[in-house]
Amino acid sequence: MATKIALLRAVNLGGETKVSMSDLRKLLAELGLGNPRTLLQSGNLVFEGGQDGDDELENLLQSETARSLALRTDFFVRGLAEWSSMIANNPFLTETTTDPSHLLVVFLRAQPAEASVRTLDALAGPERARTWGRHLYVTYPEGIGRSRLTMSVIERTPGMRGTARNWNTVLKLVALAQG
């Protein structure tokens, strides 16, 4: 069976869109997805199955969490091979060891246009943005909280929603997926 990693957008942040990780694991099991596991409380799932394409699986998970858990949020699903390639194609190798908590990967539904990435890079101060496939890598050398390059700016520029995870979480998720 294929190993999948699913990320929920903006759950358990600031008291809004709350969901229990145990409820998510239970729902995945009810949907026939094997060995559901979670990491942290921010909507990181690893499971086996889901032979449909990522789009179909994302739609299924979104509709079922809305129906069963009254949770309306976006899901971003990646297979283990794509996740591993996303790690291997990171353009900011130095930051992976020197400042991994300030290196984010933004997971998108589709590859953003190169023009929108150049726009993001121009809007940034000391931050830098690069893409690989459906992933936007952003460095925040002076911290994320003080940056003008917020998620709302990132989403508005290519015109699509996303969810971000720092490099430490990206690596923990692949370790969890690989068992």
N, C-alpha and C. Protein backbone atom coordinates (compact mmCIF):
# COMPACT_ATOMS: atom_id res chain seq x y z
N MET A 1 0.83 -1.19 0.00
CA MET A 1 0.00 0.00 0.00
C MET A 1 0.86 1.25 0.00
N ALA A 2 0.39 2.27 -0.65
CA ALA A 2 1.12 3.53 -0.73
C ALA A 2 1.05 4.29 0.59
N THR A 3 2.18 4.85 0.99
CA THR A 3 2.21 5.70 2.18
C THR A 3 1.92 7.13 1.74
N LYS A 4 1.03 7.79 2.46
CA LYS A 4 0.64 9.16 2.16
C LYS A 4 0.86 10.04 3.39
N ILE A 5 1.14 11.29 3.13
CA ILE A 5 1.24 12.30 4.17
C ILE A 5 0.20 13.36 3.83
N ALA A 6 -0.66 13.69 4.79
CA ALA A 6 -1.68 14.71 4.58
C ALA A 6 -1.49 15.82 5.60
N LEU A 7 -1.58 17.04 5.14
CA LEU A 7 -1.45 18.21 5.99
C LEU A 7 -2.76 18.98 5.96
N LEU A 8 -3.25 19.35 7.13
CA LEU A 8 -4.45 20.17 7.23
C LEU A 8 -4.03 21.62 7.34
N ARG A 9 -4.81 22.47 6.74
CA ARG A 9 -4.51 23.90 6.76
C ARG A 9 -5.12 24.56 7.99
N ALA A 10 -4.28 25.23 8.76
CA ALA A 10 -4.70 26.13 9.84
C ALA A 10 -5.63 25.50 10.86
N VAL A 11 -5.24 24.35 11.42
CA VAL A 11 -6.02 23.77 12.51
C VAL A 11 -5.28 23.93 13.83
N ASN A 12 -6.08 24.06 14.90
CA ASN A 12 -5.57 24.17 16.26
C ASN A 12 -4.62 25.35 16.45
N LEU A 13 -4.90 26.43 15.73
CA LEU A 13 -4.11 27.66 15.88
C LEU A 13 -5.01 28.74 16.47
N GLY A 14 -4.60 29.31 17.57
CA GLY A 14 -5.33 30.43 18.15
C GLY A 14 -6.78 30.14 18.52
N GLY A 15 -7.09 28.91 18.85
CA GLY A 15 -8.44 28.58 19.31
C GLY A 15 -9.48 28.39 18.23
N GLU A 16 -9.09 28.56 16.97
CA GLU A 16 -10.05 28.37 15.88
C GLU A 16 -9.78 27.05 15.17
N THR A 17 -10.77 26.56 14.46
CA THR A 17 -10.70 25.29 13.73
C THR A 17 -10.00 24.21 14.54
N LYS A 18 -10.56 23.94 15.70
CA LYS A 18 -10.01 22.92 16.60
C LYS A 18 -10.43 21.53 16.14
N VAL A 19 -9.48 20.61 16.25
CA VAL A 19 -9.77 19.21 15.95
C VAL A 19 -8.82 18.34 16.78
N SER A 20 -9.36 17.24 17.25
CA SER A 20 -8.56 16.29 18.01
C SER A 20 -7.83 15.36 17.04
N MET A 21 -6.56 15.12 17.30
CA MET A 21 -5.80 14.22 16.44
C MET A 21 -6.34 12.79 16.55
N SER A 22 -6.82 12.41 17.73
CA SER A 22 -7.41 11.07 17.86
C SER A 22 -8.68 10.95 17.02
N ASP A 23 -9.48 12.01 16.92
CA ASP A 23 -10.67 11.99 16.06
C ASP A 23 -10.27 11.86 14.59
N LEU A 24 -9.20 12.53 14.20
CA LEU A 24 -8.73 12.41 12.81
C LEU A 24 -8.24 11.00 12.51
N ARG A 25 -7.49 10.41 13.43
CA ARG A 25 -7.02 9.03 13.23
C ARG A 25 -8.19 8.07 13.12
N LYS A 26 -9.19 8.25 13.96
CA LYS A 26 -10.37 7.39 13.94
C LYS A 26 -11.10 7.54 12.60
N LEU A 27 -11.26 8.76 12.12
CA LEU A 27 -11.93 8.99 10.85
C LEU A 27 -11.18 8.33 9.70
N LEU A 28 -9.86 8.46 9.68
CA LEU A 28 -9.07 7.83 8.62
C LEU A 28 -9.26 6.32 8.63
N ALA A 29 -9.26 5.73 9.81
CA ALA A 29 -9.47 4.28 9.92
C ALA A 29 -10.86 3.91 9.39
N GLU A 30 -11.88 4.71 9.72
CA GLU A 30 -13.24 4.45 9.24
C GLU A 30 -13.32 4.55 7.72
N LEU A 31 -12.45 5.37 7.12
CA LEU A 31 -12.43 5.53 5.66
C LEU A 31 -11.61 4.42 4.98
N GLY A 32 -11.09 3.51 5.78
CA GLY A 32 -10.33 2.39 5.23
C GLY A 32 -8.87 2.70 4.97
N LEU A 33 -8.38 3.79 5.54
CA LEU A 33 -6.97 4.15 5.38
C LEU A 33 -6.20 3.53 6.54
N GLY A 34 -5.16 2.78 6.22
CA GLY A 34 -4.48 1.97 7.22
C GLY A 34 -3.45 2.71 8.04
N ASN A 35 -3.25 2.22 9.25
CA ASN A 35 -2.20 2.67 10.15
C ASN A 35 -2.11 4.20 10.27
N PRO A 36 -3.23 4.88 10.55
CA PRO A 36 -3.18 6.35 10.66
C PRO A 36 -2.38 6.80 11.86
N ARG A 37 -1.49 7.76 11.62
CA ARG A 37 -0.65 8.33 12.67
C ARG A 37 -0.67 9.84 12.53
N THR A 38 -0.44 10.52 13.65
CA THR A 38 -0.39 11.98 13.63
C THR A 38 0.92 12.44 14.26
N LEU A 39 1.31 13.64 13.92
CA LEU A 39 2.50 14.27 14.48
C LEU A 39 2.11 15.65 14.96
N LEU A 40 2.41 15.94 16.20
CA LEU A 40 2.07 17.21 16.83
C LEU A 40 0.56 17.40 16.84
N GLN A 41 0.09 18.60 17.11
CA GLN A 41 -1.36 18.87 17.16
C GLN A 41 -1.80 19.79 16.03
N SER A 42 -0.97 19.93 15.01
CA SER A 42 -1.24 20.92 13.97
C SER A 42 -1.72 20.33 12.66
N GLY A 43 -2.26 19.12 12.69
CA GLY A 43 -2.84 18.55 11.48
C GLY A 43 -1.85 17.92 10.54
N ASN A 44 -1.01 17.04 11.06
CA ASN A 44 -0.05 16.30 10.27
C ASN A 44 -0.41 14.82 10.36
N LEU A 45 -0.77 14.21 9.22
CA LEU A 45 -1.23 12.83 9.19
C LEU A 45 -0.34 11.98 8.30
N VAL A 46 -0.14 10.74 8.70
CA VAL A 46 0.54 9.75 7.87
C VAL A 46 -0.34 8.51 7.89
N PHE A 47 -0.53 7.89 6.72
CA PHE A 47 -1.38 6.72 6.64
C PHE A 47 -1.03 5.89 5.42
N GLU A 48 -1.61 4.72 5.35
CA GLU A 48 -1.40 3.81 4.22
C GLU A 48 -2.69 3.74 3.41
N GLY A 49 -2.56 3.69 2.10
CA GLY A 49 -3.74 3.52 1.26
C GLY A 49 -4.04 4.76 0.45
N GLY A 50 -5.28 4.84 0.04
CA GLY A 50 -5.68 5.98 -0.77
C GLY A 50 -5.09 5.90 -2.15
N GLN A 51 -5.46 4.86 -2.89
CA GLN A 51 -4.90 4.64 -4.22
C GLN A 51 -5.33 5.69 -5.23
N ASP A 52 -6.40 6.42 -4.95
CA ASP A 52 -6.82 7.49 -5.87
C ASP A 52 -5.73 8.55 -5.94
N GLY A 53 -5.83 9.42 -6.92
CA GLY A 53 -4.89 10.53 -7.02
C GLY A 53 -5.02 11.46 -5.83
N ASP A 54 -4.03 12.30 -5.65
CA ASP A 54 -4.03 13.23 -4.51
C ASP A 54 -5.26 14.11 -4.49
N ASP A 55 -5.70 14.61 -5.66
CA ASP A 55 -6.87 15.49 -5.72
C ASP A 55 -8.11 14.80 -5.16
N GLU A 56 -8.36 13.56 -5.60
CA GLU A 56 -9.53 12.83 -5.14
C GLU A 56 -9.45 12.56 -3.64
N LEU A 57 -8.26 12.21 -3.18
CA LEU A 57 -8.08 11.93 -1.75
C LEU A 57 -8.25 13.20 -0.92
N GLU A 58 -7.71 14.30 -1.41
CA GLU A 58 -7.90 15.58 -0.71
C GLU A 58 -9.38 15.92 -0.60
N ASN A 59 -10.10 15.77 -1.70
CA ASN A 59 -11.54 16.07 -1.70
C ASN A 59 -12.29 15.16 -0.74
N LEU A 60 -11.97 13.87 -0.74
CA LEU A 60 -12.61 12.92 0.17
C LEU A 60 -12.36 13.32 1.62
N LEU A 61 -11.11 13.58 1.96
CA LEU A 61 -10.78 13.93 3.34
C LEU A 61 -11.45 15.24 3.76
N GLN A 62 -11.48 16.21 2.88
CA GLN A 62 -12.14 17.48 3.19
C GLN A 62 -13.63 17.28 3.43
N SER A 63 -14.29 16.54 2.55
CA SER A 63 -15.74 16.36 2.70
C SER A 63 -16.07 15.51 3.92
N GLU A 64 -15.27 14.49 4.19
CA GLU A 64 -15.56 13.62 5.33
C GLU A 64 -15.26 14.30 6.67
N THR A 65 -14.23 15.13 6.75
CA THR A 65 -13.98 15.84 8.01
C THR A 65 -15.06 16.89 8.24
N ALA A 66 -15.55 17.49 7.16
CA ALA A 66 -16.65 18.45 7.31
C ALA A 66 -17.91 17.72 7.80
N ARG A 67 -18.20 16.56 7.21
CA ARG A 67 -19.40 15.81 7.57
C ARG A 67 -19.29 15.21 8.97
N SER A 68 -18.19 14.56 9.27
CA SER A 68 -18.06 13.81 10.52
C SER A 68 -17.59 14.64 11.71
N LEU A 69 -16.73 15.62 11.45
CA LEU A 69 -16.11 16.36 12.55
C LEU A 69 -16.49 17.85 12.55
N ALA A 70 -17.34 18.26 11.62
CA ALA A 70 -17.72 19.66 11.49
C ALA A 70 -16.50 20.56 11.33
N LEU A 71 -15.51 20.06 10.63
CA LEU A 71 -14.26 20.79 10.40
C LEU A 71 -14.15 21.11 8.92
N ARG A 72 -14.08 22.39 8.61
CA ARG A 72 -13.92 22.82 7.23
C ARG A 72 -12.52 23.39 7.06
N THR A 73 -11.69 22.61 6.38
CA THR A 73 -10.31 23.04 6.14
C THR A 73 -9.80 22.35 4.88
N ASP A 74 -8.69 22.84 4.39
CA ASP A 74 -8.06 22.25 3.21
C ASP A 74 -7.10 21.15 3.64
N PHE A 75 -7.00 20.11 2.80
CA PHE A 75 -6.02 19.05 2.97
C PHE A 75 -5.04 19.12 1.81
N PHE A 76 -3.78 18.82 2.10
CA PHE A 76 -2.74 18.75 1.09
C PHE A 76 -2.08 17.39 1.24
N VAL A 77 -2.26 16.52 0.25
CA VAL A 77 -1.78 15.14 0.32
C VAL A 77 -0.59 14.96 -0.60
N ARG A 78 0.41 14.26 -0.08
CA ARG A 78 1.60 13.91 -0.87
C ARG A 78 1.93 12.45 -0.63
N GLY A 79 2.38 11.78 -1.68
CA GLY A 79 2.91 10.44 -1.53
C GLY A 79 4.33 10.51 -1.00
N LEU A 80 4.80 9.41 -0.48
CA LEU A 80 6.14 9.37 0.11
C LEU A 80 7.23 9.68 -0.92
N ALA A 81 7.05 9.23 -2.17
CA ALA A 81 8.06 9.52 -3.20
C ALA A 81 8.14 11.02 -3.48
N GLU A 82 6.98 11.68 -3.60
CA GLU A 82 7.00 13.13 -3.84
C GLU A 82 7.58 13.86 -2.64
N TRP A 83 7.22 13.41 -1.43
CA TRP A 83 7.74 14.04 -0.21
C TRP A 83 9.28 13.94 -0.18
N SER A 84 9.79 12.77 -0.48
CA SER A 84 11.24 12.56 -0.48
C SER A 84 11.92 13.42 -1.55
N SER A 85 11.30 13.54 -2.71
CA SER A 85 11.84 14.41 -3.77
C SER A 85 11.81 15.87 -3.35
N MET A 86 10.75 16.27 -2.65
CA MET A 86 10.64 17.64 -2.16
C MET A 86 11.80 17.94 -1.20
N ILE A 87 12.15 16.98 -0.37
CA ILE A 87 13.29 17.16 0.55
C ILE A 87 14.59 17.26 -0.25
N ALA A 88 14.77 16.36 -1.20
CA ALA A 88 16.01 16.32 -1.99
C ALA A 88 16.20 17.57 -2.85
N ASN A 89 15.11 18.21 -3.26
CA ASN A 89 15.19 19.38 -4.15
C ASN A 89 15.15 20.71 -3.42
N ASN A 90 15.32 20.70 -2.12
CA ASN A 90 15.33 21.94 -1.34
C ASN A 90 16.49 22.83 -1.82
N PRO A 91 16.20 24.06 -2.24
CA PRO A 91 17.26 24.94 -2.72
C PRO A 91 18.05 25.63 -1.61
N PHE A 92 17.62 25.49 -0.36
CA PHE A 92 18.27 26.17 0.76
C PHE A 92 18.96 25.17 1.69
N LEU A 93 19.96 24.51 1.18
CA LEU A 93 20.63 23.45 1.94
C LEU A 93 21.31 23.97 3.20
N THR A 94 21.91 25.12 3.15
CA THR A 94 22.58 25.66 4.34
C THR A 94 21.60 25.84 5.48
N GLU A 95 20.42 26.37 5.19
CA GLU A 95 19.41 26.63 6.22
C GLU A 95 18.87 25.35 6.86
N THR A 96 18.99 24.21 6.17
CA THR A 96 18.49 22.96 6.75
C THR A 96 19.25 22.58 8.01
N THR A 97 20.49 23.04 8.11
CA THR A 97 21.28 22.74 9.31
C THR A 97 21.49 23.96 10.19
N THR A 98 21.58 25.14 9.60
CA THR A 98 21.87 26.33 10.41
C THR A 98 20.63 26.97 11.02
N ASP A 99 19.47 26.86 10.36
CA ASP A 99 18.26 27.53 10.85
C ASP A 99 17.00 26.81 10.37
N PRO A 100 16.85 25.51 10.68
CA PRO A 100 15.74 24.74 10.12
C PRO A 100 14.35 25.19 10.58
N SER A 101 14.25 25.82 11.74
CA SER A 101 12.93 26.25 12.21
C SER A 101 12.45 27.50 11.47
N HIS A 102 13.36 28.19 10.78
CA HIS A 102 12.99 29.37 9.99
C HIS A 102 13.02 29.11 8.49
N LEU A 103 13.04 27.84 8.14
CA LEU A 103 12.92 27.43 6.74
C LEU A 103 11.58 26.73 6.62
N LEU A 104 10.68 27.31 5.85
CA LEU A 104 9.34 26.74 5.68
C LEU A 104 9.18 26.16 4.29
N VAL A 105 8.37 25.12 4.22
CA VAL A 105 7.90 24.61 2.94
C VAL A 105 6.40 24.88 2.93
N VAL A 106 5.95 25.59 1.90
CA VAL A 106 4.52 25.85 1.72
C VAL A 106 4.02 24.84 0.70
N PHE A 107 3.03 24.07 1.10
CA PHE A 107 2.44 23.04 0.24
C PHE A 107 1.25 23.65 -0.47
N LEU A 108 1.27 23.56 -1.80
CA LEU A 108 0.23 24.15 -2.64
C LEU A 108 -0.45 23.06 -3.46
N ARG A 109 -1.58 23.38 -4.06
CA ARG A 109 -2.30 22.43 -4.91
C ARG A 109 -1.62 22.24 -6.27
N ALA A 110 -0.98 23.28 -6.75
CA ALA A 110 -0.35 23.23 -8.07
C ALA A 110 0.94 24.04 -8.03
N GLN A 111 1.74 23.85 -9.05
CA GLN A 111 2.98 24.60 -9.14
C GLN A 111 2.66 26.07 -9.41
N PRO A 112 3.20 26.98 -8.61
CA PRO A 112 2.95 28.40 -8.87
C PRO A 112 3.73 28.89 -10.08
N ALA A 113 3.19 29.88 -10.71
CA ALA A 113 3.88 30.48 -11.85
C ALA A 113 5.18 31.13 -11.38
N GLU A 114 6.21 31.03 -12.19
CA GLU A 114 7.51 31.60 -11.83
C GLU A 114 7.40 33.10 -11.59
N ALA A 115 6.53 33.79 -12.30
CA ALA A 115 6.35 35.23 -12.11
C ALA A 115 5.86 35.53 -10.70
N SER A 116 4.96 34.71 -10.17
CA SER A 116 4.46 34.96 -8.81
C SER A 116 5.55 34.71 -7.77
N VAL A 117 6.43 33.75 -8.03
CA VAL A 117 7.54 33.51 -7.10
C VAL A 117 8.51 34.68 -7.13
N ARG A 118 8.77 35.22 -8.31
CA ARG A 118 9.64 36.41 -8.40
C ARG A 118 8.99 37.58 -7.66
N THR A 119 7.68 37.72 -7.77
CA THR A 119 6.96 38.78 -7.05
C THR A 119 7.12 38.60 -5.55
N LEU A 120 6.95 37.37 -5.06
CA LEU A 120 7.13 37.10 -3.63
C LEU A 120 8.55 37.44 -3.19
N ASP A 121 9.52 37.03 -3.98
CA ASP A 121 10.91 37.30 -3.66
C ASP A 121 11.16 38.81 -3.60
N ALA A 122 10.54 39.56 -4.50
CA ALA A 122 10.71 41.02 -4.52
C ALA A 122 10.03 41.68 -3.32
N LEU A 123 8.90 41.12 -2.87
CA LEU A 123 8.19 41.66 -1.71
C LEU A 123 8.94 41.42 -0.41
N ALA A 124 9.72 40.38 -0.40
CA ALA A 124 10.41 39.97 0.82
C ALA A 124 11.51 40.95 1.17
N GLY A 125 11.81 41.02 2.44
CA GLY A 125 12.98 41.77 2.89
C GLY A 125 14.17 40.83 2.82
N PRO A 126 14.60 40.33 3.97
CA PRO A 126 15.71 39.38 3.95
C PRO A 126 15.27 37.95 3.59
N GLU A 127 13.96 37.73 3.49
CA GLU A 127 13.46 36.40 3.16
C GLU A 127 13.74 36.10 1.69
N ARG A 128 13.81 34.79 1.40
CA ARG A 128 13.97 34.35 0.02
C ARG A 128 12.96 33.25 -0.25
N ALA A 129 12.45 33.21 -1.49
CA ALA A 129 11.46 32.20 -1.88
C ALA A 129 11.88 31.53 -3.18
N ARG A 130 11.73 30.20 -3.21
CA ARG A 130 12.02 29.39 -4.40
C ARG A 130 10.99 28.28 -4.49
N THR A 131 10.84 27.70 -5.68
CA THR A 131 9.88 26.61 -5.83
C THR A 131 10.53 25.35 -6.36
N TRP A 132 9.84 24.27 -6.11
CA TRP A 132 10.07 22.99 -6.77
C TRP A 132 8.70 22.33 -6.82
N GLY A 133 8.19 22.14 -8.02
CA GLY A 133 6.88 21.53 -8.17
C GLY A 133 5.81 22.30 -7.43
N ARG A 134 5.02 21.59 -6.63
CA ARG A 134 3.92 22.19 -5.88
C ARG A 134 4.35 22.72 -4.52
N HIS A 135 5.65 23.01 -4.39
CA HIS A 135 6.20 23.40 -3.10
C HIS A 135 6.93 24.72 -3.21
N LEU A 136 6.69 25.58 -2.25
CA LEU A 136 7.37 26.87 -2.16
C LEU A 136 8.22 26.83 -0.90
N TYR A 137 9.52 27.05 -1.05
CA TYR A 137 10.45 27.08 0.07
C TYR A 137 10.70 28.54 0.41
N VAL A 138 10.61 28.88 1.70
CA VAL A 138 10.81 30.27 2.12
C VAL A 138 11.73 30.28 3.33
N THR A 139 12.76 31.12 3.28
CA THR A 139 13.64 31.30 4.43
C THR A 139 13.25 32.59 5.15
N TYR A 140 13.32 32.55 6.46
CA TYR A 140 13.00 33.69 7.32
C TYR A 140 14.18 33.92 8.27
N PRO A 141 15.28 34.50 7.79
CA PRO A 141 16.48 34.61 8.63
C PRO A 141 16.30 35.50 9.86
N GLU A 142 15.34 36.42 9.84
CA GLU A 142 15.11 37.30 11.00
C GLU A 142 13.87 36.88 11.79
N GLY A 143 13.33 35.72 11.50
CA GLY A 143 12.16 35.23 12.21
C GLY A 143 10.90 35.35 11.39
N ILE A 144 9.96 34.46 11.65
CA ILE A 144 8.72 34.42 10.90
C ILE A 144 7.73 35.46 11.40
N GLY A 145 7.66 35.66 12.70
CA GLY A 145 6.67 36.55 13.30
C GLY A 145 6.80 38.01 12.90
N ARG A 146 7.97 38.46 12.57
CA ARG A 146 8.18 39.87 12.22
C ARG A 146 8.20 40.11 10.71
N SER A 147 8.08 39.06 9.95
CA SER A 147 8.21 39.18 8.51
C SER A 147 6.95 39.77 7.85
N ARG A 148 7.16 40.50 6.78
CA ARG A 148 6.04 40.98 5.95
C ARG A 148 5.57 39.90 5.00
N LEU A 149 6.35 38.85 4.85
CA LEU A 149 6.01 37.75 3.95
C LEU A 149 5.16 36.73 4.71
N THR A 150 3.90 37.12 4.96
CA THR A 150 2.97 36.29 5.73
C THR A 150 2.30 35.26 4.83
N MET A 151 1.61 34.32 5.44
CA MET A 151 0.88 33.32 4.65
C MET A 151 -0.18 33.97 3.78
N SER A 152 -0.84 35.01 4.25
CA SER A 152 -1.86 35.65 3.41
C SER A 152 -1.22 36.29 2.17
N VAL A 153 -0.04 36.86 2.31
CA VAL A 153 0.67 37.41 1.15
C VAL A 153 1.11 36.28 0.22
N ILE A 154 1.63 35.21 0.81
CA ILE A 154 2.07 34.07 0.01
C ILE A 154 0.91 33.47 -0.77
N GLU A 155 -0.24 33.32 -0.13
CA GLU A 155 -1.39 32.73 -0.82
C GLU A 155 -1.98 33.66 -1.88
N ARG A 156 -1.99 34.93 -1.58
CA ARG A 156 -2.58 35.91 -2.51
C ARG A 156 -1.75 36.04 -3.80
N THR A 157 -0.45 35.96 -3.68
CA THR A 157 0.41 36.20 -4.84
C THR A 157 0.23 35.16 -5.94
N PRO A 158 0.31 33.85 -5.66
CA PRO A 158 0.02 32.92 -6.75
C PRO A 158 -1.47 32.63 -6.91
N GLY A 159 -2.29 33.16 -5.98
CA GLY A 159 -3.73 32.97 -6.07
C GLY A 159 -4.20 31.57 -5.69
N MET A 160 -3.51 30.95 -4.73
CA MET A 160 -3.95 29.64 -4.25
C MET A 160 -3.61 29.48 -2.79
N ARG A 161 -4.47 28.71 -2.11
CA ARG A 161 -4.26 28.45 -0.69
C ARG A 161 -3.16 27.41 -0.50
N GLY A 162 -2.56 27.45 0.67
CA GLY A 162 -1.53 26.50 1.01
C GLY A 162 -1.44 26.32 2.50
N THR A 163 -0.53 25.47 2.91
CA THR A 163 -0.23 25.29 4.32
C THR A 163 1.27 25.11 4.44
N ALA A 164 1.84 25.61 5.52
CA ALA A 164 3.30 25.59 5.67
C ALA A 164 3.72 24.74 6.85
N ARG A 165 4.90 24.14 6.71
CA ARG A 165 5.54 23.41 7.80
C ARG A 165 7.02 23.77 7.80
N ASN A 166 7.59 23.87 9.01
CA ASN A 166 9.02 24.17 9.05
C ASN A 166 9.81 22.91 8.74
N TRP A 167 11.09 23.10 8.46
CA TRP A 167 11.93 22.00 8.00
C TRP A 167 12.02 20.87 9.02
N ASN A 168 12.04 21.22 10.31
CA ASN A 168 12.08 20.19 11.33
C ASN A 168 10.87 19.27 11.22
N THR A 169 9.70 19.84 11.03
CA THR A 169 8.47 19.05 10.92
C THR A 169 8.47 18.24 9.63
N VAL A 170 8.97 18.81 8.54
CA VAL A 170 9.08 18.08 7.27
C VAL A 170 9.89 16.79 7.47
N LEU A 171 11.01 16.91 8.18
CA LEU A 171 11.86 15.74 8.40
C LEU A 171 11.24 14.74 9.37
N LYS A 172 10.55 15.24 10.40
CA LYS A 172 9.87 14.33 11.33
C LYS A 172 8.76 13.56 10.62
N LEU A 173 8.07 14.19 9.70
CA LEU A 173 6.99 13.51 8.97
C LEU A 173 7.53 12.41 8.06
N VAL A 174 8.65 12.65 7.38
CA VAL A 174 9.21 11.60 6.55
C VAL A 174 9.71 10.44 7.40
N ALA A 175 10.26 10.74 8.56
CA ALA A 175 10.72 9.67 9.47
C ALA A 175 9.52 8.83 9.94
N LEU A 176 8.43 9.51 10.29
CA LEU A 176 7.22 8.80 10.72
C LEU A 176 6.67 7.95 9.57
N ALA A 177 6.68 8.49 8.36
CA ALA A 177 6.17 7.77 7.19
C ALA A 177 7.03 6.54 6.85
N GLN A 178 8.31 6.65 7.07
CA GLN A 178 9.21 5.54 6.74
C GLN A 178 9.26 4.49 7.85
N GLY A 179 8.59 4.78 8.97
CA GLY A 179 8.45 3.80 10.02
C GLY A 179 9.60 3.73 10.95
